[in-house]
C-alpha atoms as a PDB file:
ATOM      1  CA  MET A   1       9.154   8.515 -14.057  1.00  0.00           C
ATOM      2  CA  SER A   2      12.707   7.633 -13.044  1.00  0.00           C
ATOM      3  CA  THR A   3      13.432   5.845  -9.775  1.00  0.00           C
ATOM      4  CA  THR A   4      14.918   9.050  -8.351  1.00  0.00           C
ATOM      5  CA  ASP A   5      11.840  11.071  -9.367  1.00  0.00           C
ATOM      6  CA  PHE A   6       9.533   8.391  -7.933  1.00  0.00           C
ATOM      7  CA  HIS A   7      11.352   8.400  -4.564  1.00  0.00           C
ATOM      8  CA  ALA A   8      11.249  12.217  -4.440  1.00  0.00           C
ATOM      9  CA  PHE A   9       7.520  12.176  -5.285  1.00  0.00           C
ATOM     10  CA  ASN A  10       6.829   9.622  -2.535  1.00  0.00           C
ATOM     11  CA  GLN A  11       8.960  11.551  -0.028  1.00  0.00           C
ATOM     12  CA  GLY A  12       6.888  14.654  -0.725  1.00  0.00           C
ATOM     13  CA  ILE A  13       3.684  12.723  -0.016  1.00  0.00           C
ATOM     14  CA  VAL A  14       5.172  11.306   3.222  1.00  0.00           C
ATOM     15  CA  GLU A  15       6.137  14.790   4.413  1.00  0.00           C
ATOM     16  CA  GLU A  16       2.742  16.257   3.508  1.00  0.00           C
ATOM     17  CA  PHE A  17       0.946  13.340   5.233  1.00  0.00           C
ATOM     18  CA  ARG A  18       2.907  13.824   8.462  1.00  0.00           C
ATOM     19  CA  ALA A  19       2.540  17.616   8.423  1.00  0.00           C
ATOM     20  CA  ASN A  20      -1.238  17.474   7.842  1.00  0.00           C
ATOM     21  CA  HIS A  21      -2.370  14.652  10.156  1.00  0.00           C
ATOM     22  CA  GLY A  22      -2.709  12.114   7.360  1.00  0.00           C
ATOM     23  CA  VAL A  23      -4.259  14.382   4.737  1.00  0.00           C
ATOM     24  CA  VAL A  24      -2.618  14.895   1.347  1.00  0.00           C
ATOM     25  CA  GLY A  25      -3.551  16.853  -1.767  1.00  0.00           C
ATOM     26  CA  GLY A  26      -2.551  16.643  -5.393  1.00  0.00           C
ATOM     27  CA  PRO A  27      -3.398  13.400  -7.193  1.00  0.00           C
ATOM     28  CA  PHE A  28      -4.328  11.751  -3.867  1.00  0.00           C
ATOM     29  CA  ALA A  29      -6.640  14.500  -2.559  1.00  0.00           C
ATOM     30  CA  GLY A  30      -9.554  12.841  -0.790  1.00  0.00           C
ATOM     31  CA  ALA A  31      -8.059   9.341  -1.041  1.00  0.00           C
ATOM     32  CA  PRO A  32      -7.667   7.321   2.158  1.00  0.00           C
ATOM     33  CA  MET A  33      -3.893   7.255   2.695  1.00  0.00           C
ATOM     34  CA  ILE A  34      -1.600   5.401   5.068  1.00  0.00           C
ATOM     35  CA  LEU A  35       2.146   5.231   5.433  1.00  0.00           C
ATOM     36  CA  ILE A  36       3.807   1.837   5.701  1.00  0.00           C
ATOM     37  CA  THR A  37       7.365   1.651   7.007  1.00  0.00           C
ATOM     38  CA  HIS A  38       8.948  -1.641   5.958  1.00  0.00           C
ATOM     39  CA  LYS A  39      12.393  -3.197   5.996  1.00  0.00           C
ATOM     40  CA  GLY A  40      14.237  -3.793   2.714  1.00  0.00           C
ATOM     41  CA  ALA A  41      14.163  -7.459   1.683  1.00  0.00           C
ATOM     42  CA  LYS A  42      17.882  -7.490   0.870  1.00  0.00           C
ATOM     43  CA  SER A  43      19.266  -4.252   2.321  1.00  0.00           C
ATOM     44  CA  GLY A  44      17.426  -4.251   5.633  1.00  0.00           C
ATOM     45  CA  VAL A  45      17.054  -0.470   5.210  1.00  0.00           C
ATOM     46  CA  GLU A  46      13.754   0.943   6.439  1.00  0.00           C
ATOM     47  CA  ARG A  47      11.642   2.683   3.815  1.00  0.00           C
ATOM     48  CA  THR A  48       8.271   4.410   4.018  1.00  0.00           C
ATOM     49  CA  SER A  49       5.643   4.065   1.311  1.00  0.00           C
ATOM     50  CA  PRO A  50       2.438   6.109   1.022  1.00  0.00           C
ATOM     51  CA  LEU A  51      -0.444   3.888  -0.073  1.00  0.00           C
ATOM     52  CA  VAL A  52      -4.202   4.075  -0.446  1.00  0.00           C
ATOM     53  CA  TYR A  53      -6.139   1.616   1.672  1.00  0.00           C
ATOM     54  CA  THR A  54      -9.530   0.329   2.707  1.00  0.00           C
ATOM     55  CA  ARG A  55     -10.708  -1.051   6.027  1.00  0.00           C
ATOM     56  CA  ASP A  56     -11.992  -4.539   6.666  1.00  0.00           C
ATOM     57  CA  GLY A  57     -13.188  -4.637  10.255  1.00  0.00           C
ATOM     58  CA  ASP A  58     -10.129  -3.744  12.380  1.00  0.00           C
ATOM     59  CA  ASP A  59      -7.726  -4.552   9.535  1.00  0.00           C
ATOM     60  CA  LEU A  60      -6.361  -2.241   6.856  1.00  0.00           C
ATOM     61  CA  VAL A  61      -6.106  -3.514   3.278  1.00  0.00           C
ATOM     62  CA  ILE A  62      -3.575  -2.423   0.652  1.00  0.00           C
ATOM     63  CA  ILE A  63      -3.211  -3.604  -2.930  1.00  0.00           C
ATOM     64  CA  ALA A  64       0.167  -4.300  -4.616  1.00  0.00           C
ATOM     65  CA  SER A  65      -1.016  -2.957  -7.967  1.00  0.00           C
ATOM     66  CA  MET A  66       1.888  -0.722  -9.068  1.00  0.00           C
ATOM     67  CA  GLY A  67      -0.597   0.802 -11.486  1.00  0.00           C
ATOM     68  CA  GLY A  68      -1.020  -2.491 -13.333  1.00  0.00           C
ATOM     69  CA  ALA A  69       2.703  -2.883 -14.065  1.00  0.00           C
ATOM     70  CA  PRO A  70       3.929  -6.376 -15.005  1.00  0.00           C
ATOM     71  CA  LYS A  71       5.834  -6.748 -11.712  1.00  0.00           C
ATOM     72  CA  HIS A  72       5.074  -6.230  -8.044  1.00  0.00           C
ATOM     73  CA  PRO A  73       6.095  -2.983  -6.313  1.00  0.00           C
ATOM     74  CA  ALA A  74       9.313  -2.969  -4.267  1.00  0.00           C
ATOM     75  CA  TRP A  75       7.396  -2.450  -1.029  1.00  0.00           C
ATOM     76  CA  PHE A  76       5.543  -5.740  -1.657  1.00  0.00           C
ATOM     77  CA  HIS A  77       8.806  -7.725  -1.858  1.00  0.00           C
ATOM     78  CA  ASN A  78       9.961  -6.060   1.363  1.00  0.00           C
ATOM     79  CA  ILE A  79       6.738  -6.923   3.189  1.00  0.00           C
ATOM     80  CA  LYS A  80       6.890 -10.476   1.869  1.00  0.00           C
ATOM     81  CA  ALA A  81      10.406 -10.857   3.343  1.00  0.00           C
ATOM     82  CA  HIS A  82       9.638  -8.916   6.559  1.00  0.00           C
ATOM     83  CA  PRO A  83       5.893  -8.941   7.333  1.00  0.00           C
ATOM     84  CA  GLN A  84       6.208  -6.800  10.476  1.00  0.00           C
ATOM     85  CA  VAL A  85       5.587  -3.161   9.515  1.00  0.00           C
ATOM     86  CA  THR A  86       4.835   0.205  11.082  1.00  0.00           C
ATOM     87  CA  VAL A  87       1.579   1.803   9.976  1.00  0.00           C
ATOM     88  CA  GLU A  88       0.664   5.488  10.176  1.00  0.00           C
ATOM     89  CA  VAL A  89      -2.973   6.406   9.663  1.00  0.00           C
ATOM     90  CA  GLY A  90      -4.057   9.939  10.514  1.00  0.00           C
ATOM     91  CA  ASP A  91      -2.132  10.833  13.689  1.00  0.00           C
ATOM     92  CA  GLU A  92      -1.903   7.216  14.879  1.00  0.00           C
ATOM     93  CA  THR A  93       1.176   4.982  14.548  1.00  0.00           C
ATOM     94  CA  PHE A  94       1.162   1.261  15.340  1.00  0.00           C
ATOM     95  CA  GLN A  95       2.917  -2.002  14.575  1.00  0.00           C
ATOM     96  CA  ALA A  96       1.157  -4.443  12.259  1.00  0.00           C
ATOM     97  CA  ASN A  97       1.625  -7.864  10.740  1.00  0.00           C
ATOM     98  CA  ALA A  98       1.075  -8.218   6.999  1.00  0.00           C
ATOM     99  CA  THR A  99      -0.715 -11.203   5.508  1.00  0.00           C
ATOM    100  CA  ILE A 100      -0.432 -11.612   1.746  1.00  0.00           C
ATOM    101  CA  LEU A 101      -3.342 -13.018  -0.252  1.00  0.00           C
ATOM    102  CA  THR A 102      -2.617 -14.050  -3.828  1.00  0.00           C
ATOM    103  CA  ASP A 103      -5.645 -16.203  -4.579  1.00  0.00           C
ATOM    104  CA  GLY A 104      -8.946 -17.466  -3.242  1.00  0.00           C
ATOM    105  CA  PRO A 105     -12.296 -15.935  -2.380  1.00  0.00           C
ATOM    106  CA  GLU A 106     -10.964 -13.744   0.465  1.00  0.00           C
ATOM    107  CA  ARG A 107      -8.382 -12.107  -1.827  1.00  0.00           C
ATOM    108  CA  GLN A 108     -11.097 -11.496  -4.425  1.00  0.00           C
ATOM    109  CA  ARG A 109     -13.554 -10.102  -1.862  1.00  0.00           C
ATOM    110  CA  LEU A 110     -11.004  -7.618  -0.509  1.00  0.00           C
ATOM    111  CA  PHE A 111      -9.787  -6.639  -3.988  1.00  0.00           C
ATOM    112  CA  ASP A 112     -13.370  -6.078  -5.176  1.00  0.00           C
ATOM    113  CA  GLN A 113     -14.131  -4.055  -2.033  1.00  0.00           C
ATOM    114  CA  GLN A 114     -11.282  -1.651  -2.801  1.00  0.00           C
ATOM    115  CA  ALA A 115     -12.055  -1.559  -6.539  1.00  0.00           C
ATOM    116  CA  ALA A 116     -15.669  -0.596  -5.739  1.00  0.00           C
ATOM    117  CA  LEU A 117     -14.393   2.498  -3.901  1.00  0.00           C
ATOM    118  CA  MET A 118     -11.495   3.181  -6.281  1.00  0.00           C
ATOM    119  CA  PRO A 119     -12.355   1.839  -9.767  1.00  0.00           C
ATOM    120  CA  ASN A 120      -8.815   2.376 -11.058  1.00  0.00           C
ATOM    121  CA  PHE A 121      -7.820  -0.855  -9.256  1.00  0.00           C
ATOM    122  CA  LYS A 122     -10.057  -2.846 -11.602  1.00  0.00           C
ATOM    123  CA  GLU A 123      -8.298  -1.140 -14.510  1.00  0.00           C
ATOM    124  CA  TYR A 124      -4.897  -2.035 -13.028  1.00  0.00           C
ATOM    125  CA  GLN A 125      -5.861  -5.725 -12.899  1.00  0.00           C
ATOM    126  CA  GLU A 126      -7.034  -5.575 -16.519  1.00  0.00           C
ATOM    127  CA  LYS A 127      -3.683  -4.070 -17.598  1.00  0.00           C
ATOM    128  CA  THR A 128      -1.544  -6.947 -16.298  1.00  0.00           C
ATOM    129  CA  SER A 129      -1.422 -10.719 -16.556  1.00  0.00           C
ATOM    130  CA  ARG A 130      -0.163 -11.085 -12.973  1.00  0.00           C
ATOM    131  CA  VAL A 131      -2.610 -11.567 -10.140  1.00  0.00           C
ATOM    132  CA  ILE A 132      -2.319  -8.409  -8.070  1.00  0.00           C
ATOM    133  CA  PRO A 133      -1.734  -9.360  -4.428  1.00  0.00           C
ATOM    134  CA  VAL A 134      -3.864  -8.053  -1.579  1.00  0.00           C
ATOM    135  CA  VAL A 135      -2.122  -7.341   1.728  1.00  0.00           C
ATOM    136  CA  VAL A 136      -4.034  -7.356   5.010  1.00  0.00           C
ATOM    137  CA  LEU A 137      -2.467  -5.341   7.848  1.00  0.00           C
ATOM    138  CA  SER A 138      -3.491  -6.487  11.333  1.00  0.00           C
ATOM    139  CA  ARG A 139      -2.412  -4.744  14.516  1.00  0.00           C
ATOM    140  CA  ALA A 140       0.420  -6.593  16.221  1.00  0.00           C
END
């Protein structure tokens, strides 16, 4: 999928999410989805990414898997540079701070928790030599 096609695909998900109170169909039907609005690491331009997530207490957890690609997704680099993000879940919008976990037992626990609900994340880790980061979103 080209970059242009990928952005158009994501934009369609964002529009569907907002029009349907956080519910989307297609390949993500039934998946827990959130929207993360983040600032470009270099450009400073705000972008919105639809992502699947899990909950850990009051926190939301997202995984920078990029389908097991050899590099991190663009949104991850943006969050690393600017950890303050806007989160949309259902009809709720709030500010959050992102904490990146790249190793240790907490990263593994949260990764395993998401992989138990969505087994494709285990497959993504098996496809790549990089350690897939876990990002914890805590309300600001």
